[in-house]
Amino acid sequence: MEIRAVLFDLDNTLFDHSTSARAGLEAFLQHLGTASTDELARAWFQLEQTTYDRFLAHELSFHEQRRERLRQFLPLTGRAVPATDRLLDGLFDVYLQNYQTAWAAFPDAGPALQSLHDGDMPVGVITNGNHRQQTLKVSRIGLGPLMQGIFSSESMGHAKPSSEAFRQPCQSLGISPAHVLYVGDNFRFDVEGARNAGLQAIHLNRDGGGPEGTIQSLAELVPLLGAETGGASDSTTLV
């Protein structure tokens, strides 16, 4: 099936969230006067996931999920939880500023998107998250000029793996889901979600391994599509 557009996940696919978040956490713990440990890092990322999932489920606002993360994390460091939202927000800003300073694209992201763009292949992002923050990430890491659209769960009212989160961007681009390829690192949310919505999908597993349809680097994507010739190959098997 011919590919007429390629859509990507953002965090940990194009944007190196994990490395940026680790840098933000290290600086935050230093600000608290607390030694960094593997246990605290695991707790932070577990809380990040659980509170963010509650935001996506509309149980918490975007800012409240940040506050809730601190309410649960600070006692693990031996620090008291600030009594007001204003103080919590000010403390979270310490993490946020260091997280944002470390923002970076994966080295293979820009070249892959540029090659697709040069081959007249429409490119966009489908991402679960706050629209302003996700758009700012795309801009700061230099990928904005290559994008035909940034589709966030907040702007669409649907989060991955909901089928509507994938179908709305296809409709916006004016391309049938069957002719759109989605690339992401989370098999359940990205790959299964896209396929259930009728898109083709490729799993990006930077650690290596995986079933057919898995790549380890975005550098593999353009040759796979035949985009270096300006169009997708009808014989390419994308499952």
Protein backbone atom coordinates (compact mmCIF):
# COMPACT_ATOMS: atom_id res chain seq x y z
CA MET A 1 0.00 0.00 0.00
CA GLU A 2 1.46 3.35 -1.06
CA ILE A 3 2.49 5.70 1.76
CA ARG A 4 1.40 9.32 1.20
CA ALA A 5 2.23 10.81 4.62
CA VAL A 6 4.30 9.89 7.67
CA LEU A 7 3.23 10.81 11.19
CA PHE A 8 5.43 10.42 14.25
CA ASP A 9 5.14 10.16 18.00
CA LEU A 10 7.15 12.94 19.68
CA ASP A 11 8.51 11.99 23.13
CA ASN A 12 11.23 9.32 22.92
CA THR A 13 10.71 9.03 19.15
CA LEU A 14 11.81 12.40 17.72
CA PHE A 15 12.46 14.18 21.03
CA ASP A 16 14.81 12.68 23.63
CA HIS A 17 12.51 13.10 26.63
CA SER A 18 14.27 10.55 28.83
CA THR A 19 17.68 12.23 28.68
CA SER A 20 16.17 15.71 29.14
CA ALA A 21 14.07 14.57 32.09
CA ARG A 22 17.05 12.90 33.77
CA ALA A 23 19.00 16.16 33.47
CA GLY A 24 16.08 18.08 34.94
CA LEU A 25 15.76 15.63 37.82
CA GLU A 26 19.47 15.73 38.65
CA ALA A 27 19.38 19.53 38.87
CA PHE A 28 16.15 19.43 40.88
CA LEU A 29 17.59 17.02 43.44
CA GLN A 30 20.71 19.16 43.70
CA HIS A 31 18.47 22.17 44.38
CA LEU A 32 16.77 20.19 47.15
CA GLY A 33 20.13 19.20 48.61
CA THR A 34 19.29 15.55 48.08
CA ALA A 35 21.65 12.96 46.68
CA SER A 36 20.57 11.40 43.41
CA THR A 37 19.82 7.69 43.64
CA ASP A 38 18.45 5.06 41.28
CA GLU A 39 15.50 4.60 43.63
CA LEU A 40 14.54 8.27 43.49
CA ALA A 41 14.89 8.31 39.69
CA ARG A 42 12.65 5.27 39.35
CA ALA A 43 10.08 6.85 41.68
CA TRP A 44 10.12 10.13 39.73
CA PHE A 45 9.52 8.47 36.38
CA GLN A 46 6.83 6.18 37.77
CA LEU A 47 5.03 9.18 39.24
CA GLU A 48 5.51 11.11 36.01
CA GLN A 49 3.71 8.31 34.14
CA THR A 50 0.88 7.77 36.61
CA THR A 51 0.07 11.46 37.08
CA TYR A 52 0.35 12.17 33.35
CA ASP A 53 -2.01 9.29 32.63
CA ARG A 54 -4.50 10.95 34.98
CA PHE A 55 -4.11 14.19 33.01
CA LEU A 56 -4.79 12.33 29.76
CA ALA A 57 -7.86 10.76 31.36
CA HIS A 58 -9.08 14.29 32.32
CA GLU A 59 -8.83 13.46 36.02
CA LEU A 60 -6.24 16.19 36.63
CA SER A 61 -5.41 19.44 34.86
CA PHE A 62 -2.00 19.79 33.25
CA HIS A 63 -0.68 21.90 36.13
CA GLU A 64 -2.34 19.77 38.79
CA GLN A 65 -0.61 16.61 37.56
CA ARG A 66 2.70 18.40 38.15
CA ARG A 67 1.66 19.38 41.66
CA GLU A 68 0.49 15.86 42.43
CA ARG A 69 3.83 14.49 41.28
CA LEU A 70 5.61 16.72 43.78
CA ARG A 71 3.17 15.91 46.58
CA GLN A 72 4.06 12.24 46.24
CA PHE A 73 7.76 12.65 45.41
CA LEU A 74 8.95 15.19 47.97
CA PRO A 75 8.32 12.96 51.02
CA LEU A 76 10.64 10.39 49.43
CA THR A 77 13.42 12.98 49.59
CA GLY A 78 12.69 13.92 53.19
CA ARG A 79 11.35 17.33 52.18
CA ALA A 80 8.05 18.75 53.37
CA VAL A 81 5.35 19.39 50.78
CA PRO A 82 4.67 23.13 50.28
CA ALA A 83 1.28 24.19 51.57
CA THR A 84 0.08 26.17 48.54
CA ASP A 85 -0.21 25.60 44.79
CA ARG A 86 1.89 28.71 44.21
CA LEU A 87 4.79 27.28 46.19
CA LEU A 88 4.44 23.90 44.50
CA ASP A 89 4.46 25.54 41.08
CA GLY A 90 7.54 27.56 41.98
CA LEU A 91 9.35 24.42 43.07
CA PHE A 92 8.33 22.52 39.94
CA ASP A 93 9.71 25.39 37.86
CA VAL A 94 13.19 24.46 39.11
CA TYR A 95 12.82 21.06 37.49
CA LEU A 96 11.07 22.47 34.43
CA GLN A 97 13.72 25.06 33.61
CA ASN A 98 16.49 22.46 33.74
CA TYR A 99 14.39 19.97 31.77
CA GLN A 100 13.80 22.56 29.04
CA THR A 101 17.46 23.56 28.94
CA ALA A 102 18.32 19.95 28.09
CA TRP A 103 15.70 19.59 25.32
CA ALA A 104 17.16 17.92 22.23
CA ALA A 105 16.09 15.88 19.25
CA PHE A 106 17.58 12.47 18.67
CA PRO A 107 20.44 12.82 16.16
CA ASP A 108 18.58 10.76 13.56
CA ALA A 109 15.34 12.78 13.75
CA GLY A 110 16.27 15.88 11.78
CA PRO A 111 17.95 14.06 8.87
CA ALA A 112 15.06 11.59 8.54
CA LEU A 113 12.40 14.30 8.50
CA GLN A 114 14.45 16.46 6.13
CA SER A 115 14.75 13.56 3.69
CA LEU A 116 11.01 12.94 3.81
CA HIS A 117 10.33 16.66 3.40
CA ASP A 118 12.73 16.88 0.43
CA GLY A 119 10.87 13.95 -1.14
CA ASP A 120 7.56 15.86 -0.86
CA MET A 121 6.28 13.49 1.82
CA PRO A 122 3.95 15.27 4.30
CA VAL A 123 5.17 14.86 7.87
CA GLY A 124 3.48 15.51 11.20
CA VAL A 125 3.33 14.60 14.89
CA ILE A 126 0.62 12.93 16.96
CA THR A 127 1.42 13.35 20.64
CA ASN A 128 -0.29 12.84 23.97
CA GLY A 129 0.12 16.02 25.93
CA ASN A 130 -0.32 19.72 26.50
CA HIS A 131 -0.49 21.41 23.10
CA ARG A 132 1.59 24.43 24.02
CA GLN A 133 4.41 22.41 25.57
CA GLN A 134 4.53 19.85 22.76
CA THR A 135 4.52 22.56 20.09
CA LEU A 136 7.29 24.38 21.93
CA LYS A 137 9.37 21.19 21.98
CA VAL A 138 9.03 20.76 18.22
CA SER A 139 10.07 24.38 17.68
CA ARG A 140 13.00 24.35 20.14
CA ILE A 141 14.53 21.17 18.68
CA GLY A 142 14.38 22.63 15.18
CA LEU A 143 11.78 20.38 13.57
CA GLY A 144 8.95 22.91 13.20
CA PRO A 145 9.66 23.93 9.57
CA LEU A 146 9.44 20.28 8.50
CA MET A 147 5.98 19.68 9.98
CA GLN A 148 2.60 19.87 8.26
CA GLY A 149 0.83 19.53 11.58
CA ILE A 150 1.24 18.98 15.33
CA PHE A 151 -1.74 17.06 16.66
CA SER A 152 -1.87 16.88 20.46
CA SER A 153 -4.33 14.97 22.61
CA GLU A 154 -5.28 18.28 24.22
CA SER A 155 -6.11 19.96 20.89
CA MET A 156 -7.98 16.92 19.53
CA GLY A 157 -9.81 15.89 22.68
CA HIS A 158 -8.59 12.31 22.15
CA ALA A 159 -5.46 10.58 23.42
CA LYS A 160 -3.57 7.66 21.95
CA PRO A 161 -4.31 4.78 21.68
CA SER A 162 -7.84 5.97 20.82
CA SER A 163 -8.52 5.47 17.11
CA GLU A 164 -9.86 9.01 16.84
CA ALA A 165 -6.46 10.38 17.91
CA PHE A 166 -5.05 8.89 14.70
CA ARG A 167 -7.97 9.45 12.36
CA GLN A 168 -8.35 13.17 13.03
CA PRO A 169 -4.81 14.00 11.76
CA CYS A 170 -5.38 11.88 8.64
CA GLN A 171 -8.60 13.76 7.99
CA SER A 172 -6.82 17.08 8.54
CA LEU A 173 -4.17 16.10 5.98
CA GLY A 174 -6.83 14.89 3.56
CA ILE A 175 -5.26 11.44 3.30
CA SER A 176 -6.90 8.07 3.93
CA PRO A 177 -5.54 6.31 7.06
CA ALA A 178 -4.59 3.32 4.88
CA HIS A 179 -2.05 5.55 3.09
CA VAL A 180 -0.54 7.02 6.29
CA LEU A 181 2.40 5.52 8.16
CA TYR A 182 2.82 6.08 11.90
CA VAL A 183 6.15 5.68 13.69
CA GLY A 184 6.46 5.48 17.48
CA ASP A 185 8.35 3.90 20.36
CA ASN A 186 5.41 2.64 22.44
CA PHE A 187 4.06 -0.56 20.91
CA ARG A 188 0.64 -0.46 22.57
CA PHE A 189 -0.08 3.26 22.32
CA ASP A 190 1.62 3.95 18.99
CA VAL A 191 1.77 0.80 16.89
CA GLU A 192 -1.34 -1.06 17.99
CA GLY A 193 -3.29 2.20 18.29
CA ALA A 194 -2.37 3.27 14.76
CA ARG A 195 -3.12 -0.12 13.24
CA ASN A 196 -6.47 -0.31 14.99
CA ALA A 197 -7.31 3.05 13.39
CA GLY A 198 -6.45 1.75 9.92
CA LEU A 199 -2.98 3.28 9.56
CA GLN A 200 0.19 1.42 8.74
CA ALA A 201 2.75 1.43 11.55
CA ILE A 202 6.40 0.89 12.36
CA HIS A 203 7.75 0.31 15.86
CA LEU A 204 10.90 2.26 16.75
CA ASN A 205 12.86 0.31 19.37
CA ARG A 206 16.15 2.09 19.94
CA ASP A 207 17.31 -0.74 22.22
CA GLY A 208 17.15 -3.19 19.32
CA GLY A 209 15.16 -6.31 18.67
CA GLY A 210 11.50 -6.78 18.00
CA PRO A 211 9.18 -8.39 15.47
CA GLU A 212 8.84 -7.59 11.78
CA GLY A 213 8.07 -3.92 11.29
CA THR A 214 10.55 -2.81 13.98
CA ILE A 215 13.44 -0.42 13.33
CA GLN A 216 16.24 0.62 15.68
CA SER A 217 16.96 4.03 14.16
CA LEU A 218 15.04 6.59 12.10
CA ALA A 219 17.93 6.37 9.65
CA GLU A 220 16.35 3.06 8.56
CA LEU A 221 13.02 4.68 7.74
CA VAL A 222 13.79 6.59 4.54
CA PRO A 223 15.44 3.67 2.72
CA LEU A 224 12.59 1.43 3.86
CA LEU A 225 10.06 3.76 2.25
CA GLY A 226 12.13 4.34 -0.88
CA ALA A 227 11.77 8.05 -0.14
CA GLU A 228 15.22 8.79 -1.50
CA THR A 229 13.60 8.45 -4.95
CA GLY A 230 10.82 10.87 -4.02
CA GLY A 231 8.07 8.34 -3.36
CA ALA A 232 7.13 5.31 -1.32
CA SER A 233 7.61 1.81 -2.63
CA ASP A 234 4.39 -0.15 -3.21
CA SER A 235 6.29 -3.34 -2.44
CA THR A 236 7.33 -2.25 1.05
CA THR A 237 5.82 -4.46 3.75
CA LEU A 238 4.67 -2.35 6.69
CA VAL A 239 2.72 -4.26 9.29
